[in-house]
């Protein structure tokens, strides 16, 4: 294997990894925009079609440009308030109650145990 071939293979491997990471990040962010699964499936299929449409591209420079454009688009359209599921197991059996005064300051936080 020549040096050129080795560098080509290494660069393609790095590109494949960047595409994989971009796809996973975009897929997770799609779930932020459509929290309900029945809405998410349609958006996830559309996202997959966008990635599959460019699967056969072989030009390394074009692939780099497409990855950069995809990352820029993802950063532009990232959800400002992402959905966070179960934050921590320690709050699983508690309701957190915040009491706010007229200035918007938290006076106290009460943890109320859920009766089972």
PDB file of N, CA and C in Angstrom:
ATOM      1  N   UNK A   1       0.847  -1.170   0.000  1.00  0.00           N
ATOM      2  CA  UNK A   1       0.000   0.000   0.000  1.00  0.00           C
ATOM      3  C   UNK A   1       0.894   1.236   0.000  1.00  0.00           C
ATOM      4  N   UNK A   2       0.677   2.103  -0.948  1.00  0.00           N
ATOM      5  CA  UNK A   2       1.508   3.308  -1.044  1.00  0.00           C
ATOM      6  C   UNK A   2       1.049   4.350  -0.037  1.00  0.00           C
ATOM      7  N   UNK A   3       1.871   5.390   0.091  1.00  0.00           N
ATOM      8  CA  UNK A   3       1.560   6.466   1.035  1.00  0.00           C
ATOM      9  C   UNK A   3       0.293   7.179   0.627  1.00  0.00           C
ATOM     10  N   UNK A   4       0.115   7.392  -0.684  1.00  0.00           N
ATOM     11  CA  UNK A   4      -1.074   8.074  -1.175  1.00  0.00           C
ATOM     12  C   UNK A   4      -2.326   7.254  -0.879  1.00  0.00           C
ATOM     13  N   UNK A   5      -2.242   5.971  -1.104  1.00  0.00           N
ATOM     14  CA  UNK A   5      -3.382   5.097  -0.829  1.00  0.00           C
ATOM     15  C   UNK A   5      -3.685   5.052   0.665  1.00  0.00           C
ATOM     16  N   UNK A   6      -2.647   5.008   1.475  1.00  0.00           N
ATOM     17  CA  UNK A   6      -2.851   4.982   2.932  1.00  0.00           C
ATOM     18  C   UNK A   6      -3.485   6.280   3.416  1.00  0.00           C
ATOM     19  N   UNK A   7      -3.042   7.411   2.866  1.00  0.00           N
ATOM     20  CA  UNK A   7      -3.629   8.687   3.290  1.00  0.00           C
ATOM     21  C   UNK A   7      -5.071   8.806   2.800  1.00  0.00           C
ATOM     22  N   UNK A   8      -5.345   8.266   1.595  1.00  0.00           N
ATOM     23  CA  UNK A   8      -6.709   8.280   1.072  1.00  0.00           C
ATOM     24  C   UNK A   8      -7.632   7.458   1.975  1.00  0.00           C
ATOM     25  N   UNK A   9      -7.191   6.276   2.347  1.00  0.00           N
ATOM     26  CA  UNK A   9      -7.998   5.396   3.199  1.00  0.00           C
ATOM     27  C   UNK A   9      -8.223   6.037   4.569  1.00  0.00           C
ATOM     28  N   UNK A  10      -7.191   6.657   5.110  1.00  0.00           N
ATOM     29  CA  UNK A  10      -7.324   7.313   6.415  1.00  0.00           C
ATOM     30  C   UNK A  10      -8.284   8.492   6.341  1.00  0.00           C
ATOM     31  N   UNK A  11      -8.191   9.258   5.254  1.00  0.00           N
ATOM     32  CA  UNK A  11      -9.080  10.417   5.115  1.00  0.00           C
ATOM     33  C   UNK A  11     -10.527   9.974   4.936  1.00  0.00           C
ATOM     34  N   UNK A  12     -10.729   8.910   4.139  1.00  0.00           N
ATOM     35  CA  UNK A  12     -12.093   8.397   3.954  1.00  0.00           C
ATOM     36  C   UNK A  12     -12.661   7.857   5.255  1.00  0.00           C
ATOM     37  N   UNK A  13     -11.823   7.218   6.060  1.00  0.00           N
ATOM     38  CA  UNK A  13     -12.289   6.710   7.354  1.00  0.00           C
ATOM     39  C   UNK A  13     -12.696   7.865   8.266  1.00  0.00           C
ATOM     40  N   UNK A  14     -11.916   8.940   8.243  1.00  0.00           N
ATOM     41  CA  UNK A  14     -12.255  10.111   9.056  1.00  0.00           C
ATOM     42  C   UNK A  14     -13.554  10.749   8.570  1.00  0.00           C
ATOM     43  N   UNK A  15     -13.744  10.789   7.247  1.00  0.00           N
ATOM     44  CA  UNK A  15     -14.982  11.348   6.708  1.00  0.00           C
ATOM     45  C   UNK A  15     -16.187  10.496   7.097  1.00  0.00           C
ATOM     46  N   UNK A  16     -16.034   9.201   7.021  1.00  0.00           N
ATOM     47  CA  UNK A  16     -17.140   8.313   7.397  1.00  0.00           C
ATOM     48  C   UNK A  16     -17.512   8.499   8.864  1.00  0.00           C
ATOM     49  N   UNK A  17     -16.513   8.688   9.704  1.00  0.00           N
ATOM     50  CA  UNK A  17     -16.776   8.915  11.126  1.00  0.00           C
ATOM     51  C   UNK A  17     -17.492  10.246  11.342  1.00  0.00           C
ATOM     52  N   UNK A  18     -17.060  11.292  10.627  1.00  0.00           N
ATOM     53  CA  UNK A  18     -17.718  12.598  10.752  1.00  0.00           C
ATOM     54  C   UNK A  18     -19.168  12.528  10.281  1.00  0.00           C
ATOM     55  N   UNK A  19     -19.417  11.799   9.199  1.00  0.00           N
ATOM     56  CA  UNK A  19     -20.783  11.649   8.693  1.00  0.00           C
ATOM     57  C   UNK A  19     -21.627  10.879   9.695  1.00  0.00           C
ATOM     58  N   UNK A  20     -21.076   9.829  10.266  1.00  0.00           N
ATOM     59  CA  UNK A  20     -21.807   9.036  11.258  1.00  0.00           C
ATOM     60  C   UNK A  20     -22.175   9.897  12.459  1.00  0.00           C
ATOM     61  N   UNK A  21     -21.222  10.684  12.953  1.00  0.00           N
ATOM     62  CA  UNK A  21     -21.482  11.556  14.099  1.00  0.00           C
ATOM     63  C   UNK A  21     -22.520  12.612  13.747  1.00  0.00           C
ATOM     64  N   UNK A  22     -22.406  13.202  12.553  1.00  0.00           N
ATOM     65  CA  UNK A  22     -23.377  14.211  12.121  1.00  0.00           C
ATOM     66  C   UNK A  22     -24.773  13.607  12.024  1.00  0.00           C
ATOM     67  N   UNK A  23     -24.873  12.408  11.469  1.00  0.00           N
ATOM     68  CA  UNK A  23     -26.187  11.764  11.341  1.00  0.00           C
ATOM     69  C   UNK A  23     -26.799  11.499  12.709  1.00  0.00           C
ATOM     70  N   UNK A  24     -26.006  10.987  13.627  1.00  0.00           N
ATOM     71  CA  UNK A  24     -26.535  10.698  14.972  1.00  0.00           C
ATOM     72  C   UNK A  24     -26.974  11.969  15.687  1.00  0.00           C
ATOM     73  N   UNK A  25     -26.153  13.026  15.590  1.00  0.00           N
ATOM     74  CA  UNK A  25     -26.521  14.298  16.223  1.00  0.00           C
ATOM     75  C   UNK A  25     -27.798  14.862  15.612  1.00  0.00           C
ATOM     76  N   UNK A  26     -27.904  14.808  14.278  1.00  0.00           N
ATOM     77  CA  UNK A  26     -29.096  15.323  13.603  1.00  0.00           C
ATOM     78  C   UNK A  26     -30.327  14.494  13.952  1.00  0.00           C
ATOM     79  N   UNK A  27     -30.160  13.183  14.057  1.00  0.00           N
ATOM     80  CA  UNK A  27     -31.280  12.318  14.409  1.00  0.00           C
ATOM     81  C   UNK A  27     -31.771  12.601  15.832  1.00  0.00           C
ATOM     82  N   UNK A  28     -30.845  12.775  16.755  1.00  0.00           N
ATOM     83  CA  UNK A  28     -31.234  13.102  18.131  1.00  0.00           C
ATOM     84  C   UNK A  28     -31.890  14.474  18.203  1.00  0.00           C
ATOM     85  N   UNK A  29     -31.402  15.413  17.410  1.00  0.00           N
ATOM     86  CA  UNK A  29     -31.999  16.745  17.412  1.00  0.00           C
ATOM     87  C   UNK A  29     -33.371  16.735  16.746  1.00  0.00           C
ATOM     88  N   UNK A  30     -33.585  15.843  15.794  1.00  0.00           N
ATOM     89  CA  UNK A  30     -34.905  15.703  15.174  1.00  0.00           C
ATOM     90  C   UNK A  30     -35.932  15.301  16.221  1.00  0.00           C
ATOM     91  N   UNK A  31     -35.528  14.470  17.156  1.00  0.00           N
ATOM     92  CA  UNK A  31     -36.431  14.071  18.239  1.00  0.00           C
ATOM     93  C   UNK A  31     -36.760  15.260  19.145  1.00  0.00           C
ATOM     94  N   UNK A  32     -35.866  16.228  19.242  1.00  0.00           N
ATOM     95  CA  UNK A  32     -36.159  17.433  20.023  1.00  0.00           C
ATOM     96  C   UNK A  32     -37.253  18.266  19.373  1.00  0.00           C
ATOM     97  N   UNK A  33     -37.289  18.293  18.042  1.00  0.00           N
ATOM     98  CA  UNK A  33     -38.296  19.090  17.343  1.00  0.00           C
ATOM     99  C   UNK A  33     -39.643  18.378  17.302  1.00  0.00           C
ATOM    100  N   UNK A  34     -39.650  17.067  17.298  1.00  0.00           N
ATOM    101  CA  UNK A  34     -40.898  16.302  17.266  1.00  0.00           C
ATOM    102  C   UNK A  34     -40.846  15.295  18.412  1.00  0.00           C
ATOM    103  N   UNK A  35     -41.317  15.687  19.564  1.00  0.00           N
ATOM    104  CA  UNK A  35     -41.190  14.863  20.758  1.00  0.00           C
ATOM    105  C   UNK A  35     -41.995  13.575  20.645  1.00  0.00           C
ATOM    106  N   UNK A  36     -43.150  13.621  19.997  1.00  0.00           N
ATOM    107  CA  UNK A  36     -43.970  12.419  19.854  1.00  0.00           C
ATOM    108  C   UNK A  36     -43.387  11.518  18.772  1.00  0.00           C
ATOM    109  N   UNK A  37     -43.334  10.233  19.053  1.00  0.00           N
ATOM    110  CA  UNK A  37     -42.697   9.283  18.142  1.00  0.00           C
ATOM    111  C   UNK A  37     -43.364   9.221  16.779  1.00  0.00           C
ATOM    112  N   UNK A  38     -44.680   9.325  16.717  1.00  0.00           N
ATOM    113  CA  UNK A  38     -45.347   9.225  15.421  1.00  0.00           C
ATOM    114  C   UNK A  38     -44.987  10.394  14.512  1.00  0.00           C
ATOM    115  N   UNK A  39     -44.635  11.531  15.064  1.00  0.00           N
ATOM    116  CA  UNK A  39     -44.146  12.659  14.273  1.00  0.00           C
ATOM    117  C   UNK A  39     -42.659  12.501  13.946  1.00  0.00           C
ATOM    118  N   UNK A  40     -41.942  11.897  14.858  1.00  0.00           N
ATOM    119  CA  UNK A  40     -40.497  11.723  14.691  1.00  0.00           C
ATOM    120  C   UNK A  40     -40.155  10.782  13.546  1.00  0.00           C
ATOM    121  N   UNK A  41     -40.933   9.713  13.368  1.00  0.00           N
ATOM    122  CA  UNK A  41     -40.607   8.714  12.353  1.00  0.00           C
ATOM    123  C   UNK A  41     -40.567   9.312  10.949  1.00  0.00           C
ATOM    124  N   UNK A  42     -41.512  10.182  10.636  1.00  0.00           N
ATOM    125  CA  UNK A  42     -41.532  10.816   9.314  1.00  0.00           C
ATOM    126  C   UNK A  42     -40.297  11.693   9.119  1.00  0.00           C
ATOM    127  N   UNK A  43     -39.963  12.486  10.130  1.00  0.00           N
ATOM    128  CA  UNK A  43     -38.790  13.356  10.039  1.00  0.00           C
ATOM    129  C   UNK A  43     -37.492  12.550   9.980  1.00  0.00           C
ATOM    130  N   UNK A  44     -37.432  11.444  10.700  1.00  0.00           N
ATOM    131  CA  UNK A  44     -36.239  10.603  10.674  1.00  0.00           C
ATOM    132  C   UNK A  44     -36.059   9.960   9.302  1.00  0.00           C
ATOM    133  N   UNK A  45     -37.162   9.558   8.665  1.00  0.00           N
ATOM    134  CA  UNK A  45     -37.074   8.995   7.316  1.00  0.00           C
ATOM    135  C   UNK A  45     -36.590  10.040   6.317  1.00  0.00           C
ATOM    136  N   UNK A  46     -37.078  11.263   6.443  1.00  0.00           N
ATOM    137  CA  UNK A  46     -36.637  12.341   5.543  1.00  0.00           C
ATOM    138  C   UNK A  46     -35.151  12.638   5.738  1.00  0.00           C
ATOM    139  N   UNK A  47     -34.700  12.620   6.979  1.00  0.00           N
ATOM    140  CA  UNK A  47     -33.281  12.839   7.256  1.00  0.00           C
ATOM    141  C   UNK A  47     -32.435  11.720   6.653  1.00  0.00           C
ATOM    142  N   UNK A  48     -32.881  10.489   6.807  1.00  0.00           N
ATOM    143  CA  UNK A  48     -32.139   9.355   6.251  1.00  0.00           C
ATOM    144  C   UNK A  48     -32.059   9.444   4.730  1.00  0.00           C
ATOM    145  N   UNK A  49     -33.137   9.883   4.091  1.00  0.00           N
ATOM    146  CA  UNK A  49     -33.134  10.041   2.633  1.00  0.00           C
ATOM    147  C   UNK A  49     -32.112  11.079   2.193  1.00  0.00           C
ATOM    148  N   UNK A  50     -31.961  12.160   2.965  1.00  0.00           N
ATOM    149  CA  UNK A  50     -30.953  13.179   2.630  1.00  0.00           C
ATOM    150  C   UNK A  50     -29.551  12.597   2.679  1.00  0.00           C
ATOM    151  N   UNK A  51     -29.278  11.778   3.669  1.00  0.00           N
ATOM    152  CA  UNK A  51     -27.953  11.173   3.778  1.00  0.00           C
ATOM    153  C   UNK A  51     -27.747  10.103   2.699  1.00  0.00           C
ATOM    154  N   UNK A  52     -28.773   9.310   2.430  1.00  0.00           N
ATOM    155  CA  UNK A  52     -28.656   8.248   1.430  1.00  0.00           C
ATOM    156  C   UNK A  52     -28.501   8.794   0.016  1.00  0.00           C
ATOM    157  N   UNK A  53     -29.048   9.983  -0.249  1.00  0.00           N
ATOM    158  CA  UNK A  53     -28.945  10.576  -1.583  1.00  0.00           C
ATOM    159  C   UNK A  53     -27.495  10.857  -1.965  1.00  0.00           C
ATOM    160  N   UNK A  54     -26.629  11.067  -1.001  1.00  0.00           N
ATOM    161  CA  UNK A  54     -25.233  11.397  -1.283  1.00  0.00           C
ATOM    162  C   UNK A  54     -24.278  10.264  -0.920  1.00  0.00           C
ATOM    163  N   UNK A  55     -24.800   9.085  -0.781  1.00  0.00           N
ATOM    164  CA  UNK A  55     -23.976   7.956  -0.358  1.00  0.00           C
ATOM    165  C   UNK A  55     -22.938   7.543  -1.405  1.00  0.00           C
ATOM    166  N   UNK A  56     -23.243   7.713  -2.673  1.00  0.00           N
ATOM    167  CA  UNK A  56     -22.364   7.251  -3.745  1.00  0.00           C
ATOM    168  C   UNK A  56     -21.326   8.282  -4.182  1.00  0.00           C
ATOM    169  N   UNK A  57     -21.265   9.429  -3.528  1.00  0.00           N
ATOM    170  CA  UNK A  57     -20.285  10.461  -3.892  1.00  0.00           C
ATOM    171  C   UNK A  57     -18.890   9.962  -3.522  1.00  0.00           C
ATOM    172  N   UNK A  58     -17.933  10.098  -4.466  1.00  0.00           N
ATOM    173  CA  UNK A  58     -16.577   9.594  -4.257  1.00  0.00           C
ATOM    174  C   UNK A  58     -15.526  10.695  -4.170  1.00  0.00           C
ATOM    175  N   UNK A  59     -15.842  11.898  -4.620  1.00  0.00           N
ATOM    176  CA  UNK A  59     -14.867  12.991  -4.628  1.00  0.00           C
ATOM    177  C   UNK A  59     -14.607  13.455  -3.191  1.00  0.00           C
ATOM    178  N   UNK A  60     -13.359  13.342  -2.761  1.00  0.00           N
ATOM    179  CA  UNK A  60     -13.006  13.644  -1.363  1.00  0.00           C
ATOM    180  C   UNK A  60     -13.252  15.106  -1.019  1.00  0.00           C
ATOM    181  N   UNK A  61     -12.884  16.003  -1.917  1.00  0.00           N
ATOM    182  CA  UNK A  61     -13.068  17.439  -1.649  1.00  0.00           C
ATOM    183  C   UNK A  61     -14.552  17.788  -1.561  1.00  0.00           C
ATOM    184  N   UNK A  62     -15.359  17.208  -2.437  1.00  0.00           N
ATOM    185  CA  UNK A  62     -16.801  17.450  -2.405  1.00  0.00           C
ATOM    186  C   UNK A  62     -17.410  16.903  -1.121  1.00  0.00           C
ATOM    187  N   UNK A  63     -16.945  15.755  -0.690  1.00  0.00           N
ATOM    188  CA  UNK A  63     -17.453  15.165   0.558  1.00  0.00           C
ATOM    189  C   UNK A  63     -17.130  16.077   1.739  1.00  0.00           C
ATOM    190  N   UNK A  64     -15.907  16.614   1.789  1.00  0.00           N
ATOM    191  CA  UNK A  64     -15.540  17.539   2.866  1.00  0.00           C
ATOM    192  C   UNK A  64     -16.439  18.773   2.872  1.00  0.00           C
ATOM    193  N   UNK A  65     -16.724  19.305   1.683  1.00  0.00           N
ATOM    194  CA  UNK A  65     -17.608  20.476   1.585  1.00  0.00           C
ATOM    195  C   UNK A  65     -19.021  20.137   2.044  1.00  0.00           C
ATOM    196  N   UNK A  66     -19.499  18.952   1.660  1.00  0.00           N
ATOM    197  CA  UNK A  66     -20.847  18.541   2.048  1.00  0.00           C
ATOM    198  C   UNK A  66     -20.945  18.321   3.561  1.00  0.00           C
ATOM    199  N   UNK A  67     -19.904  17.750   4.148  1.00  0.00           N
ATOM    200  CA  UNK A  67     -19.895  17.550   5.598  1.00  0.00           C
ATOM    201  C   UNK A  67     -19.892  18.893   6.313  1.00  0.00           C
ATOM    202  N   UNK A  68     -19.065  19.824   5.846  1.00  0.00           N
ATOM    203  CA  UNK A  68     -19.015  21.157   6.466  1.00  0.00           C
ATOM    204  C   UNK A  68     -20.361  21.864   6.337  1.00  0.00           C
ATOM    205  N   UNK A  69     -20.993  21.747   5.169  1.00  0.00           N
ATOM    206  CA  UNK A  69     -22.312  22.360   4.979  1.00  0.00           C
ATOM    207  C   UNK A  69     -23.350  21.706   5.886  1.00  0.00           C
ATOM    208  N   UNK A  70     -23.287  20.390   6.034  1.00  0.00           N
ATOM    209  CA  UNK A  70     -24.220  19.687   6.910  1.00  0.00           C
ATOM    210  C   UNK A  70     -24.037  20.074   8.368  1.00  0.00           C
ATOM    211  N   UNK A  71     -22.780  20.196   8.806  1.00  0.00           N
ATOM    212  CA  UNK A  71     -22.520  20.605  10.191  1.00  0.00           C
ATOM    213  C   UNK A  71     -22.980  22.041  10.433  1.00  0.00           C
ATOM    214  N   UNK A  72     -22.774  22.918   9.449  1.00  0.00           N
ATOM    215  CA  UNK A  72     -23.237  24.304   9.589  1.00  0.00           C
ATOM    216  C   UNK A  72     -24.765  24.359   9.642  1.00  0.00           C
ATOM    217  N   UNK A  73     -25.418  23.556   8.807  1.00  0.00           N
ATOM    218  CA  UNK A  73     -26.878  23.513   8.812  1.00  0.00           C
ATOM    219  C   UNK A  73     -27.404  22.965  10.136  1.00  0.00           C
ATOM    220  N   UNK A  74     -26.744  21.950  10.655  1.00  0.00           N
ATOM    221  CA  UNK A  74     -27.164  21.391  11.940  1.00  0.00           C
ATOM    222  C   UNK A  74     -26.994  22.415  13.057  1.00  0.00           C
ATOM    223  N   UNK A  75     -25.889  23.132  13.068  1.00  0.00           N
ATOM    224  CA  UNK A  75     -25.676  24.150  14.097  1.00  0.00           C
ATOM    225  C   UNK A  75     -26.699  25.278  13.983  1.00  0.00           C
ATOM    226  N   UNK A  76     -27.087  25.616  12.753  1.00  0.00           N
ATOM    227  CA  UNK A  76     -28.061  26.686  12.538  1.00  0.00           C
ATOM    228  C   UNK A  76     -29.447  26.280  13.023  1.00  0.00           C
ATOM    229  N   UNK A  77     -29.838  25.022  12.783  1.00  0.00           N
ATOM    230  CA  UNK A  77     -31.191  24.572  13.085  1.00  0.00           C
ATOM    231  C   UNK A  77     -31.283  23.741  14.356  1.00  0.00           C
ATOM    232  N   UNK A  78     -30.238  23.783  15.179  1.00  0.00           N
ATOM    233  CA  UNK A  78     -30.289  23.029  16.431  1.00  0.00           C
ATOM    234  C   UNK A  78     -31.380  23.593  17.332  1.00  0.00           C
ATOM    235  N   UNK A  79     -32.047  22.725  18.053  1.00  0.00           N
ATOM    236  CA  UNK A  79     -33.153  23.142  18.914  1.00  0.00           C
ATOM    237  C   UNK A  79     -32.620  23.996  20.071  1.00  0.00           C
ATOM    238  N   UNK A  80     -33.237  25.157  20.329  1.00  0.00           N
ATOM    239  CA  UNK A  80     -32.742  26.033  21.400  1.00  0.00           C
ATOM    240  C   UNK A  80     -33.005  25.494  22.806  1.00  0.00           C
ATOM    241  N   UNK A  81     -34.019  24.655  22.932  1.00  0.00           N
ATOM    242  CA  UNK A  81     -34.370  24.096  24.233  1.00  0.00           C
ATOM    243  C   UNK A  81     -34.566  22.591  24.076  1.00  0.00           C
ATOM    244  N   UNK A  82     -33.480  21.827  24.036  1.00  0.00           N
ATOM    245  CA  UNK A  82     -33.608  20.397  23.749  1.00  0.00           C
ATOM    246  C   UNK A  82     -34.375  19.651  24.821  1.00  0.00           C
ATOM    247  N   UNK A  83     -35.065  18.615  24.380  1.00  0.00           N
ATOM    248  CA  UNK A  83     -35.833  17.773  25.285  1.00  0.00           C
ATOM    249  C   UNK A  83     -34.871  16.957  26.135  1.00  0.00           C
ATOM    250  N   UNK A  84     -35.080  16.988  27.433  1.00  0.00           N
ATOM    251  CA  UNK A  84     -34.262  16.204  28.350  1.00  0.00           C
ATOM    252  C   UNK A  84     -35.206  15.282  29.093  1.00  0.00           C
ATOM    253  N   UNK A  85     -34.966  14.011  28.969  1.00  0.00           N
ATOM    254  CA  UNK A  85     -35.828  13.026  29.605  1.00  0.00           C
ATOM    255  C   UNK A  85     -35.593  12.962  31.097  1.00  0.00           C
ATOM    256  N   UNK A  86     -35.264  11.810  31.588  1.00  0.00           N
ATOM    257  CA  UNK A  86     -35.004  11.603  33.001  1.00  0.00           C
ATOM    258  C   UNK A  86     -33.640  12.182  33.336  1.00  0.00           C
ATOM    259  N   UNK A  87     -33.607  13.313  34.015  1.00  0.00           N
ATOM    260  CA  UNK A  87     -32.347  13.987  34.322  1.00  0.00           C
ATOM    261  C   UNK A  87     -31.503  13.151  35.268  1.00  0.00           C
ATOM    262  N   UNK A  88     -32.105  12.682  36.312  1.00  0.00           N
ATOM    263  CA  UNK A  88     -31.342  11.941  37.305  1.00  0.00           C
ATOM    264  C   UNK A  88     -32.260  10.962  38.015  1.00  0.00           C
ATOM    265  N   UNK A  89     -31.705   9.855  38.398  1.00  0.00           N
ATOM    266  CA  UNK A  89     -32.487   8.835  39.090  1.00  0.00           C
ATOM    267  C   UNK A  89     -32.861   9.272  40.500  1.00  0.00           C
ATOM    268  N   UNK A  90     -32.129  10.240  41.056  1.00  0.00           N
ATOM    269  CA  UNK A  90     -32.418  10.659  42.427  1.00  0.00           C
ATOM    270  C   UNK A  90     -33.754  11.397  42.528  1.00  0.00           C
ATOM    271  N   UNK A  91     -34.256  11.976  41.404  1.00  0.00           N
ATOM    272  CA  UNK A  91     -35.524  12.682  41.430  1.00  0.00           C
ATOM    273  C   UNK A  91     -36.672  11.831  40.914  1.00  0.00           C
ATOM    274  N   UNK A  92     -36.429  10.554  40.690  1.00  0.00           N
ATOM    275  CA  UNK A  92     -37.425   9.683  40.094  1.00  0.00           C
ATOM    276  C   UNK A  92     -38.692   9.601  40.933  1.00  0.00           C
ATOM    277  N   UNK A  93     -38.597   9.579  42.257  1.00  0.00           N
ATOM    278  CA  UNK A  93     -39.751   9.417  43.121  1.00  0.00           C
ATOM    279  C   UNK A  93     -40.134  10.714  43.830  1.00  0.00           C
ATOM    280  N   UNK A  94     -39.760  11.850  43.263  1.00  0.00           N
ATOM    281  CA  UNK A  94     -40.041  13.125  43.913  1.00  0.00           C
ATOM    282  C   UNK A  94     -40.645  14.120  42.922  1.00  0.00           C
ATOM    283  N   UNK A  95     -41.480  14.950  43.453  1.00  0.00           N
ATOM    284  CA  UNK A  95     -41.969  16.101  42.709  1.00  0.00           C
ATOM    285  C   UNK A  95     -41.220  17.305  43.263  1.00  0.00           C
ATOM    286  N   UNK A  96     -40.661  18.109  42.383  1.00  0.00           N
ATOM    287  CA  UNK A  96     -39.938  19.299  42.834  1.00  0.00           C
ATOM    288  C   UNK A  96     -40.888  20.476  42.750  1.00  0.00           C
ATOM    289  N   UNK A  97     -41.047  21.169  43.850  1.00  0.00           N
ATOM    290  CA  UNK A  97     -41.936  22.317  43.897  1.00  0.00           C
ATOM    291  C   UNK A  97     -41.098  23.560  44.151  1.00  0.00           C
ATOM    292  N   UNK A  98     -41.220  24.539  43.247  1.00  0.00           N
ATOM    293  CA  UNK A  98     -40.483  25.790  43.387  1.00  0.00           C
ATOM    294  C   UNK A  98     -41.459  26.884  43.815  1.00  0.00           C
ATOM    295  N   UNK A  99     -41.094  27.634  44.802  1.00  0.00           N
ATOM    296  CA  UNK A  99     -41.879  28.783  45.216  1.00  0.00           C
ATOM    297  C   UNK A  99     -41.131  30.038  44.784  1.00  0.00           C
ATOM    298  N   UNK A 100     -41.801  30.865  43.992  1.00  0.00           N
ATOM    299  CA  UNK A 100     -41.156  32.039  43.421  1.00  0.00           C
ATOM    300  C   UNK A 100     -41.854  33.275  43.965  1.00  0.00           C
ATOM    301  N   UNK A 101     -41.046  34.257  44.409  1.00  0.00           N
ATOM    302  CA  UNK A 101     -41.645  35.499  44.885  1.00  0.00           C
ATOM    303  C   UNK A 101     -41.846  36.451  43.703  1.00  0.00           C
ATOM    304  N   UNK A 102     -42.317  37.660  43.978  1.00  0.00           N
ATOM    305  CA  UNK A 102     -42.651  38.602  42.918  1.00  0.00           C
ATOM    306  C   UNK A 102     -41.433  39.083  42.124  1.00  0.00           C
ATOM    307  N   UNK A 103     -40.242  38.929  42.659  1.00  0.00           N
ATOM    308  CA  UNK A 103     -39.032  39.319  41.945  1.00  0.00           C
ATOM    309  C   UNK A 103     -38.486  38.191  41.075  1.00  0.00           C
ATOM    310  N   UNK A 104     -39.111  37.035  41.155  1.00  0.00           N
ATOM    311  CA  UNK A 104     -38.657  35.913  40.356  1.00  0.00           C
ATOM    312  C   UNK A 104     -37.538  35.134  41.013  1.00  0.00           C
ATOM    313  N   UNK A 105     -37.307  35.346  42.297  1.00  0.00           N
ATOM    314  CA  UNK A 105     -36.254  34.627  42.998  1.00  0.00           C
ATOM    315  C   UNK A 105     -36.836  33.402  43.691  1.00  0.00           C
ATOM    316  N   UNK A 106     -36.076  32.345  43.730  1.00  0.00           N
ATOM    317  CA  UNK A 106     -36.543  31.138  44.395  1.00  0.00           C
ATOM    318  C   UNK A 106     -36.410  31.309  45.902  1.00  0.00           C
ATOM    319  N   UNK A 107     -37.533  31.153  46.601  1.00  0.00           N
ATOM    320  CA  UNK A 107     -37.512  31.266  48.046  1.00  0.00           C
ATOM    321  C   UNK A 107     -37.074  29.957  48.695  1.00  0.00           C
ATOM    322  N   UNK A 108     -37.605  28.869  48.215  1.00  0.00           N
ATOM    323  CA  UNK A 108     -37.221  27.571  48.754  1.00  0.00           C
ATOM    324  C   UNK A 108     -37.616  26.492  47.754  1.00  0.00           C
ATOM    325  N   UNK A 109     -37.005  25.376  47.879  1.00  0.00           N
ATOM    326  CA  UNK A 109     -37.317  24.227  47.038  1.00  0.00           C
ATOM    327  C   UNK A 109     -37.767  23.112  47.953  1.00  0.00           C
ATOM    328  N   UNK A 110     -38.906  22.551  47.672  1.00  0.00           N
ATOM    329  CA  UNK A 110     -39.432  21.468  48.482  1.00  0.00           C
ATOM    330  C   UNK A 110     -39.464  20.194  47.642  1.00  0.00           C
ATOM    331  N   UNK A 111     -39.043  19.123  48.224  1.00  0.00           N
ATOM    332  CA  UNK A 111     -39.116  17.820  47.585  1.00  0.00           C
ATOM    333  C   UNK A 111     -40.267  17.054  48.231  1.00  0.00           C
ATOM    334  N   UNK A 112     -41.264  16.763  47.463  1.00  0.00           N
ATOM    335  CA  UNK A 112     -42.433  16.058  47.960  1.00  0.00           C
ATOM    336  C   UNK A 112     -42.386  14.624  47.452  1.00  0.00           C
ATOM    337  N   UNK A 113     -42.346  13.691  48.361  1.00  0.00           N
ATOM    338  CA  UNK A 113     -42.288  12.289  47.967  1.00  0.00           C
ATOM    339  C   UNK A 113     -43.623  11.870  47.379  1.00  0.00           C
ATOM    340  N   UNK A 114     -43.578  11.109  46.317  1.00  0.00           N
ATOM    341  CA  UNK A 114     -44.777  10.580  45.701  1.00  0.00           C
ATOM    342  C   UNK A 114     -45.194   9.334  46.487  1.00  0.00           C
ATOM    343  N   UNK A 115     -46.449   9.322  46.873  1.00  0.00           N
ATOM    344  CA  UNK A 115     -46.940   8.172  47.640  1.00  0.00           C
ATOM    345  C   UNK A 115     -47.282   7.053  46.661  1.00  0.00           C
ATOM    346  N   UNK A 116     -46.770   5.878  46.992  1.00  0.00           N
ATOM    347  CA  UNK A 116     -47.013   4.730  46.103  1.00  0.00           C
ATOM    348  C   UNK A 116     -48.066   3.835  46.670  1.00  0.00           C
TER     349      UNK A 116
END
